[in-house]
Amino acid sequence: MATLIPKTSLLFLSLAALFALPTTSLAQTYRDFLIVRNREEPHRSLLQIRAGYRAVDSEGENLNTGLVNDAAVDGFILYHSSEVTAKQDWTLDIYAGLDGIYLGLKDDLSYGKKAQTRLELFGRPKAFYREGFYQKGKYVTTGQYEGRDYGLRITSAQELDKGIILDLGAFGRSNEFDRNTQTRPDFIIPDDYYGYGASIAIEQNNVKLDRNLGLPQAGVLMTVMVEYELINSKKQWGTPAYRTELPDGFYRADARVEFYVPNAKSGVWEILADLGYYDSEDRVTSYHAEHMQGYIWGDGTLGYRMSLGESFVFKPFAQLQYTKILDQNGVTSSEEFFWGGGINMALVFSQNMALVLEYSYVDNPSRDHASLSDDFYGEHQLFFGMDVSFGSGYRR
């Protein structure tokens, strides 16, 4: 069940915390691990635990479609180590959060290697799907359901130049789906299916980290991953107005872009963006609730991060979203833009502990959900919690 929040409480809590707290580092996510191949890490070994409270606040309530104020416990556990073998030439990454679980083992390129082998196990024990269309800037849901997916990927990468790699891989993935309390009676959910395919990724990464805080200080990270997947789904599904089978095969492309430009002694300009480009018939991927709904989409921020010594980090930012999405009948498409902004802060008590606040508003209500019990969402989003981390062996 949703935890109902008074209309002004989320904004009030955010503003109150604004005067009591400070900013946060760039937290990694399940999507980040699946796409980015070699993110720069400040430590050779790191254990990070984030735990707190996430809330969403909608400006118009509709229980049937998920426009409901909601709050839930949120967080993740992350373990990174480049010391899993005696020669310290392999890197292990483990991530477990509400958005998914990931385990990756790869060659460590920091020892001058030019080739990299990688094994990845990943999955989402629970995920929401939110099919619909935009009408006068508002998202109208036509079919909501939930599911789970698990996969395995093996890749081989080659360093083309310093900081640039080409990664080729093969993968397999299973998808299962269920109705829930938000599924409309006339909506038929997809059948469970298996898929396999090939992936290619290219990445440029020359990001430099601030040694004291471990935050990006300068440089560029750009990763583009393209997949082609063959599946065995055979069932027609969807609404009475838009009922189709999934194609036997389809492509998808995802990207992560980060620019860091230092300004003055303690300031850094940040441009961060996630992008997706999918086959319009890939309705499962296009309408996943953890990114913008649509078969072509982008979600980016422009922020200015300021550090006051090593104890306070503060970043206001502006946010822009774009999506190209099919209409109610799946015949034509519409394009939508959304604007917003927010603030990230972290009060760093020690090398091991920080108090974190993240607040954002976008005039697009169809954003990420707060909990795993219901797909409730809204324009306002807030996270408030603690980061506890233990790192050793600074990477040079």
Protein backbone atom coordinates (compact mmCIF):
# COMPACT_ATOMS: atom_id res chain seq x y z
CA MET A 1 0.00 0.00 0.00
CA ALA A 2 1.09 3.56 -0.60
CA THR A 3 2.16 5.81 2.21
CA LEU A 4 0.14 8.95 1.64
CA ILE A 5 2.08 12.18 2.16
CA PRO A 6 0.49 15.62 2.52
CA LYS A 7 0.82 17.62 -0.70
CA THR A 8 3.38 20.07 0.67
CA SER A 9 5.32 17.72 2.93
CA LEU A 10 7.86 16.46 0.37
CA LEU A 11 8.85 19.94 -0.73
CA PHE A 12 8.91 21.16 2.88
CA LEU A 13 11.14 18.27 3.94
CA SER A 14 13.50 18.99 1.05
CA LEU A 15 13.78 22.70 1.87
CA ALA A 16 14.26 21.99 5.56
CA ALA A 17 17.08 19.56 4.79
CA LEU A 18 18.61 22.08 2.41
CA PHE A 19 19.55 24.30 5.36
CA ALA A 20 20.72 21.41 7.50
CA LEU A 21 22.77 19.35 5.05
CA PRO A 22 25.22 19.16 2.09
CA THR A 23 25.88 17.14 -1.34
CA THR A 24 26.46 13.72 -2.70
CA SER A 25 28.89 11.93 -4.98
CA LEU A 26 27.72 10.28 -8.19
CA ALA A 27 26.06 7.09 -6.97
CA GLN A 28 26.30 4.07 -9.26
CA THR A 29 23.15 2.24 -10.33
CA TYR A 30 22.19 -1.10 -11.84
CA ARG A 31 21.91 0.54 -15.28
CA ASP A 32 25.36 2.08 -14.80
CA PHE A 33 26.98 -1.32 -14.23
CA LEU A 34 25.29 -2.82 -17.31
CA ILE A 35 26.47 -0.07 -19.67
CA VAL A 36 29.70 1.55 -18.42
CA ARG A 37 32.63 -0.77 -19.01
CA ASN A 38 35.45 0.72 -16.91
CA ARG A 39 34.42 3.46 -14.53
CA GLU A 40 37.31 5.08 -12.69
CA GLU A 41 37.31 4.04 -9.02
CA PRO A 42 39.10 5.92 -6.21
CA HIS A 43 40.09 2.75 -4.32
CA ARG A 44 41.41 -0.67 -5.20
CA SER A 45 38.92 -2.10 -2.71
CA LEU A 46 35.66 -0.45 -1.65
CA LEU A 47 32.59 -1.47 0.33
CA GLN A 48 29.77 1.09 0.16
CA ILE A 49 26.39 0.86 1.86
CA ARG A 50 23.66 3.41 1.18
CA ALA A 51 20.46 3.30 3.24
CA GLY A 52 17.68 5.84 3.54
CA TYR A 53 14.22 6.96 2.59
CA ARG A 54 12.90 7.65 -0.89
CA ALA A 55 9.66 9.50 -1.57
CA VAL A 56 7.70 10.62 -4.61
CA ASP A 57 5.02 13.32 -4.70
CA SER A 58 2.57 13.72 -7.57
CA GLU A 59 0.79 16.95 -8.40
CA GLY A 60 -2.39 15.11 -9.41
CA GLU A 61 -3.52 11.91 -7.71
CA ASN A 62 -4.89 8.87 -9.56
CA LEU A 63 -4.57 5.57 -7.72
CA ASN A 64 -5.50 3.53 -10.81
CA THR A 65 -2.54 4.81 -12.84
CA GLY A 66 0.03 5.26 -10.06
CA LEU A 67 -0.07 9.03 -9.53
CA VAL A 68 0.05 8.63 -5.77
CA ASN A 69 2.33 10.02 -3.08
CA ASP A 70 4.53 7.19 -1.85
CA ALA A 71 7.55 6.60 0.39
CA ALA A 72 9.75 3.60 1.08
CA VAL A 73 13.14 2.46 2.36
CA ASP A 74 15.78 2.60 -0.38
CA GLY A 75 19.47 1.92 -0.78
CA PHE A 76 22.14 -0.41 -2.14
CA ILE A 77 25.27 -2.38 -1.24
CA LEU A 78 28.31 -2.12 -3.51
CA TYR A 79 31.57 -4.05 -3.33
CA HIS A 80 34.53 -3.36 -5.63
CA SER A 81 37.91 -5.04 -5.43
CA SER A 82 40.99 -5.25 -7.62
CA GLU A 83 42.63 -7.57 -5.11
CA VAL A 84 40.65 -10.79 -5.66
CA THR A 85 43.69 -12.66 -7.01
CA ALA A 86 47.27 -12.87 -5.81
CA LYS A 87 48.51 -11.02 -8.89
CA GLN A 88 45.81 -8.33 -8.42
CA ASP A 89 45.06 -8.44 -12.16
CA TRP A 90 41.30 -9.12 -11.93
CA THR A 91 38.51 -6.83 -10.73
CA LEU A 92 35.31 -7.92 -8.99
CA ASP A 93 32.18 -5.75 -8.80
CA ILE A 94 29.07 -6.71 -6.84
CA TYR A 95 25.98 -4.51 -6.60
CA ALA A 96 22.63 -5.16 -4.94
CA GLY A 97 19.93 -2.50 -4.90
CA LEU A 98 16.20 -2.12 -5.33
CA ASP A 99 16.82 -1.46 -9.04
CA GLY A 100 18.70 -4.75 -9.62
CA ILE A 101 21.58 -7.05 -8.77
CA TYR A 102 24.90 -7.37 -10.62
CA LEU A 103 28.10 -9.42 -10.40
CA GLY A 104 30.99 -8.74 -12.75
CA LEU A 105 34.50 -10.16 -13.00
CA LYS A 106 36.95 -8.60 -15.48
CA ASP A 107 40.63 -8.13 -16.31
CA ASP A 108 42.17 -5.04 -14.71
CA LEU A 109 43.48 -2.79 -17.49
CA SER A 110 45.48 -0.62 -15.09
CA TYR A 111 48.39 -3.07 -15.34
CA GLY A 112 49.03 -2.16 -18.96
CA LYS A 113 46.91 -4.91 -20.50
CA LYS A 114 45.47 -4.24 -23.93
CA ALA A 115 42.73 -6.92 -23.80
CA GLN A 116 39.98 -7.47 -21.26
CA THR A 117 37.71 -10.47 -20.67
CA ARG A 118 34.53 -9.95 -18.66
CA LEU A 119 31.87 -12.23 -17.12
CA GLU A 120 28.62 -10.61 -15.97
CA LEU A 121 25.60 -12.00 -14.09
CA PHE A 122 22.71 -9.59 -13.65
CA GLY A 123 19.00 -9.37 -12.99
CA ARG A 124 16.00 -7.54 -11.60
CA PRO A 125 14.01 -9.67 -9.12
CA LYS A 126 11.14 -7.22 -9.49
CA ALA A 127 10.55 -4.61 -12.18
CA PHE A 128 7.60 -2.50 -13.29
CA TYR A 129 6.39 -1.77 -16.83
CA ARG A 130 4.26 1.27 -17.61
CA GLU A 131 2.82 1.27 -21.13
CA GLY A 132 0.99 4.39 -22.28
CA PHE A 133 1.18 7.61 -24.30
CA TYR A 134 1.40 11.38 -23.78
CA GLN A 135 -1.62 13.60 -24.21
CA LYS A 136 -1.17 17.37 -23.77
CA GLY A 137 2.05 16.75 -21.85
CA LYS A 138 0.49 14.27 -19.43
CA TYR A 139 1.26 10.56 -19.41
CA VAL A 140 -1.81 8.34 -19.86
CA THR A 141 -1.21 4.72 -18.85
CA THR A 142 -2.87 1.98 -20.89
CA GLY A 143 -1.24 -1.07 -19.34
CA GLN A 144 0.81 -1.62 -16.18
CA TYR A 145 2.33 -4.90 -15.03
CA GLU A 146 5.41 -6.27 -13.30
CA GLY A 147 8.04 -8.92 -13.89
CA ARG A 148 11.59 -10.09 -13.41
CA ASP A 149 14.58 -10.72 -15.65
CA TYR A 150 17.96 -12.43 -15.29
CA GLY A 151 20.90 -12.59 -17.65
CA LEU A 152 24.46 -13.69 -18.36
CA ARG A 153 26.93 -11.88 -20.61
CA ILE A 154 30.50 -12.74 -21.64
CA THR A 155 32.56 -10.09 -23.44
CA SER A 156 36.04 -9.54 -24.80
CA ALA A 157 37.41 -6.01 -25.10
CA GLN A 158 40.40 -4.53 -26.86
CA GLU A 159 42.03 -1.21 -26.01
CA LEU A 160 42.13 0.77 -29.27
CA ASP A 161 43.94 3.73 -27.77
CA LYS A 162 44.59 5.05 -24.28
CA GLY A 163 41.20 5.32 -22.57
CA ILE A 164 39.27 3.93 -25.57
CA ILE A 165 38.04 0.31 -25.71
CA LEU A 166 35.91 -1.77 -28.05
CA ASP A 167 33.92 -4.49 -26.26
CA LEU A 168 32.27 -7.44 -28.07
CA GLY A 169 30.02 -9.89 -26.28
CA ALA A 170 27.32 -12.54 -26.28
CA PHE A 171 24.45 -12.75 -23.81
CA GLY A 172 21.39 -14.70 -22.74
CA ARG A 173 18.41 -13.35 -20.82
CA SER A 174 15.12 -14.65 -19.38
CA ASN A 175 12.01 -12.50 -18.86
CA GLU A 176 8.94 -13.33 -16.76
CA PHE A 177 5.81 -11.22 -16.27
CA ASP A 178 2.89 -11.02 -13.84
CA ARG A 179 -0.32 -9.07 -13.48
CA ASN A 180 -0.69 -6.88 -10.40
CA THR A 181 -3.30 -4.65 -8.79
CA GLN A 182 -2.58 -1.89 -11.32
CA THR A 183 -3.10 -4.09 -14.41
CA ARG A 184 -6.29 -3.16 -16.28
CA PRO A 185 -8.76 -6.04 -16.85
CA ASP A 186 -8.63 -5.59 -20.64
CA PHE A 187 -4.82 -5.54 -20.81
CA ILE A 188 -3.05 -8.79 -21.76
CA ILE A 189 0.49 -9.03 -20.38
CA PRO A 190 3.40 -10.49 -22.42
CA ASP A 191 4.21 -14.19 -22.26
CA ASP A 192 7.42 -15.26 -20.51
CA TYR A 193 10.29 -15.59 -22.98
CA TYR A 194 14.00 -16.25 -23.35
CA GLY A 195 16.40 -14.28 -25.48
CA TYR A 196 19.99 -14.43 -26.66
CA GLY A 197 22.13 -12.20 -28.80
CA ALA A 198 25.29 -10.19 -29.35
CA SER A 199 26.47 -6.85 -28.03
CA ILE A 200 29.05 -4.28 -29.05
CA ALA A 201 30.17 -1.35 -26.91
CA ILE A 202 32.65 1.44 -27.42
CA GLU A 203 33.84 3.58 -24.54
CA GLN A 204 36.06 6.61 -24.10
CA ASN A 205 37.09 7.37 -20.55
CA ASN A 206 39.72 9.86 -19.40
CA VAL A 207 38.01 10.98 -16.18
CA LYS A 208 40.32 12.12 -13.38
CA LEU A 209 39.20 11.90 -9.75
CA ASP A 210 39.73 14.29 -6.89
CA ARG A 211 42.04 12.41 -4.55
CA ASN A 212 40.53 13.78 -1.34
CA LEU A 213 36.82 13.14 -2.01
CA GLY A 214 37.08 10.52 -4.77
CA LEU A 215 34.74 12.55 -7.02
CA PRO A 216 35.20 13.18 -10.77
CA GLN A 217 37.26 16.32 -11.27
CA ALA A 218 37.89 16.54 -15.03
CA GLY A 219 37.50 14.54 -18.21
CA VAL A 220 34.95 12.72 -20.33
CA LEU A 221 33.19 9.37 -20.09
CA MET A 222 31.14 8.23 -23.11
CA THR A 223 29.81 4.69 -23.46
CA VAL A 224 27.52 3.43 -26.23
CA MET A 225 26.25 -0.17 -26.11
CA VAL A 226 24.26 -1.77 -28.94
CA GLU A 227 22.55 -5.16 -28.65
CA TYR A 228 20.72 -7.42 -31.08
CA GLU A 229 18.48 -9.99 -29.39
CA LEU A 230 16.53 -12.99 -30.69
CA ILE A 231 13.55 -14.10 -28.56
CA ASN A 232 10.95 -16.89 -28.49
CA SER A 233 7.86 -14.86 -27.54
CA LYS A 234 4.81 -15.82 -29.64
CA LYS A 235 1.82 -14.31 -27.83
CA GLN A 236 -0.21 -11.30 -28.86
CA TRP A 237 -0.56 -8.88 -25.96
CA GLY A 238 -1.45 -5.30 -25.07
CA THR A 239 -4.67 -3.29 -25.10
CA PRO A 240 -7.66 -3.98 -27.38
CA ALA A 241 -6.58 -0.93 -29.42
CA TYR A 242 -2.89 -1.96 -29.65
CA ARG A 243 -2.35 -5.71 -29.48
CA THR A 244 0.73 -7.18 -31.19
CA GLU A 245 3.35 -9.89 -30.94
CA LEU A 246 6.95 -9.04 -30.16
CA PRO A 247 9.19 -9.50 -33.22
CA ASP A 248 11.54 -12.50 -33.38
CA GLY A 249 14.51 -10.15 -33.09
CA PHE A 250 15.24 -6.49 -32.44
CA TYR A 251 18.05 -4.06 -31.68
CA ARG A 252 18.50 -1.67 -28.79
CA ALA A 253 21.11 0.96 -27.99
CA ASP A 254 21.88 2.61 -24.65
CA ALA A 255 24.40 5.28 -23.80
CA ARG A 256 25.91 7.05 -20.81
CA VAL A 257 27.63 10.43 -21.23
CA GLU A 258 29.53 12.42 -18.58
CA PHE A 259 31.53 15.65 -18.94
CA TYR A 260 33.47 17.21 -16.05
CA VAL A 261 35.02 20.68 -16.39
CA PRO A 262 36.86 22.13 -13.37
CA ASN A 263 36.16 25.75 -12.55
CA ALA A 264 38.11 27.61 -9.87
CA LYS A 265 39.64 25.67 -7.00
CA SER A 266 36.60 23.86 -5.63
CA GLY A 267 34.01 23.93 -8.43
CA VAL A 268 33.24 21.48 -11.25
CA TRP A 269 30.71 21.79 -14.08
CA GLU A 270 28.95 18.46 -14.73
CA ILE A 271 26.95 17.30 -17.75
CA LEU A 272 25.39 13.85 -17.14
CA ALA A 273 23.04 12.06 -19.53
CA ASP A 274 21.41 8.67 -20.13
CA LEU A 275 20.01 7.85 -23.57
CA GLY A 276 18.06 5.01 -25.14
CA TYR A 277 17.27 4.13 -28.78
CA TYR A 278 15.12 1.01 -29.25
CA ASP A 279 13.13 -0.80 -31.89
CA SER A 280 9.62 0.70 -31.64
CA GLU A 281 8.22 -2.86 -31.55
CA ASP A 282 10.27 -3.69 -28.44
CA ARG A 283 7.45 -2.69 -26.12
CA VAL A 284 8.92 -4.38 -23.04
CA THR A 285 12.14 -2.34 -23.06
CA SER A 286 10.51 0.89 -24.28
CA TYR A 287 8.04 1.04 -21.41
CA HIS A 288 10.26 -0.03 -18.53
CA ALA A 289 9.42 2.16 -15.52
CA GLU A 290 13.05 2.80 -14.47
CA HIS A 291 13.75 5.06 -17.45
CA MET A 292 11.69 7.42 -19.57
CA GLN A 293 8.91 5.69 -21.47
CA GLY A 294 9.46 5.78 -25.21
CA TYR A 295 11.53 4.07 -27.90
CA ILE A 296 13.88 7.06 -28.25
CA TRP A 297 14.63 9.00 -25.09
CA GLY A 298 17.20 11.14 -23.29
CA ASP A 299 17.48 12.33 -19.69
CA GLY A 300 20.25 14.78 -18.86
CA THR A 301 21.38 17.28 -16.23
CA LEU A 302 23.67 20.30 -16.15
CA GLY A 303 25.02 20.94 -12.67
CA TYR A 304 27.69 22.87 -10.84
CA ARG A 305 29.31 20.96 -7.97
CA MET A 306 30.97 22.93 -5.18
CA SER A 307 33.07 21.54 -2.35
CA LEU A 308 33.73 23.31 0.93
CA GLY A 309 36.87 21.58 2.05
CA GLU A 310 36.34 17.86 2.53
CA SER A 311 33.16 18.06 4.60
CA PHE A 312 30.45 19.57 2.40
CA VAL A 313 29.48 18.97 -1.25
CA PHE A 314 26.67 20.91 -2.90
CA LYS A 315 25.30 20.64 -6.47
CA PRO A 316 22.31 22.50 -7.94
CA PHE A 317 21.33 21.29 -11.40
CA ALA A 318 18.91 21.80 -14.27
CA GLN A 319 17.30 18.78 -15.94
CA LEU A 320 16.02 18.19 -19.48
CA GLN A 321 14.11 15.13 -20.72
CA TYR A 322 13.11 14.12 -24.25
CA THR A 323 11.08 11.18 -25.51
CA LYS A 324 9.66 9.91 -28.78
CA ILE A 325 6.79 7.55 -28.03
CA LEU A 326 4.03 5.73 -29.90
CA ASP A 327 0.44 6.90 -29.63
CA GLN A 328 -2.44 4.98 -28.07
CA ASN A 329 -2.90 2.77 -31.15
CA GLY A 330 0.80 2.27 -31.89
CA VAL A 331 0.47 3.88 -35.34
CA THR A 332 2.01 7.35 -35.05
CA SER A 333 4.54 8.89 -32.66
CA SER A 334 4.75 12.08 -30.63
CA GLU A 335 7.75 13.95 -29.23
CA GLU A 336 7.77 15.49 -25.76
CA PHE A 337 10.21 17.70 -23.82
CA PHE A 338 10.24 18.20 -20.06
CA TRP A 339 12.18 20.58 -17.82
CA GLY A 340 13.11 20.58 -14.19
CA GLY A 341 15.93 20.80 -11.71
CA GLY A 342 17.05 19.91 -8.25
CA ILE A 343 19.79 19.84 -5.71
CA ASN A 344 22.18 17.16 -4.40
CA MET A 345 24.06 17.57 -1.13
CA ALA A 346 26.26 15.52 1.19
CA LEU A 347 27.66 16.29 4.61
CA VAL A 348 30.85 14.25 4.99
CA PHE A 349 31.46 13.36 8.63
CA SER A 350 34.57 11.28 8.00
CA GLN A 351 36.25 9.18 5.31
CA ASN A 352 33.67 6.48 6.06
CA MET A 353 30.36 8.30 6.54
CA ALA A 354 28.25 10.96 4.81
CA LEU A 355 24.71 12.27 5.16
CA VAL A 356 23.03 12.51 1.73
CA LEU A 357 20.12 14.52 0.32
CA GLU A 358 18.87 14.39 -3.29
CA TYR A 359 15.80 16.33 -4.43
CA SER A 360 14.52 16.89 -7.97
CA TYR A 361 11.45 18.12 -9.81
CA VAL A 362 10.54 17.56 -13.48
CA ASP A 363 7.22 18.53 -15.06
CA ASN A 364 6.90 14.92 -16.25
CA PRO A 365 5.02 12.83 -13.68
CA SER A 366 6.03 9.49 -15.24
CA ARG A 367 9.32 9.09 -13.41
CA ASP A 368 10.96 6.35 -11.34
CA HIS A 369 8.93 4.69 -8.58
CA ALA A 370 9.76 4.82 -4.87
CA SER A 371 9.23 1.22 -3.73
CA LEU A 372 8.98 -2.35 -5.00
CA SER A 373 5.45 -2.90 -3.71
CA ASP A 374 3.64 -0.56 -6.14
CA ASP A 375 4.44 1.45 -9.26
CA PHE A 376 3.63 4.86 -7.70
CA TYR A 377 5.38 7.92 -9.12
CA GLY A 378 5.24 11.71 -9.45
CA GLU A 379 6.97 14.95 -10.44
CA HIS A 380 8.79 15.44 -7.10
CA GLN A 381 11.42 12.95 -5.92
CA LEU A 382 13.43 12.92 -2.71
CA PHE A 383 16.12 10.68 -1.22
CA PHE A 384 17.47 11.25 2.28
CA GLY A 385 19.91 8.82 3.92
CA MET A 386 23.43 7.77 4.85
CA ASP A 387 26.44 6.55 2.90
CA VAL A 388 28.85 4.32 4.79
CA SER A 389 31.98 3.25 2.93
CA PHE A 390 35.26 1.50 3.62
CA GLY A 391 38.03 1.86 1.02
CA SER A 392 41.67 0.86 0.81
CA GLY A 393 44.49 1.21 -1.68
CA TYR A 394 44.18 4.47 -3.60
CA ARG A 395 44.37 3.86 -7.36
CA ARG A 396 47.04 5.95 -9.03
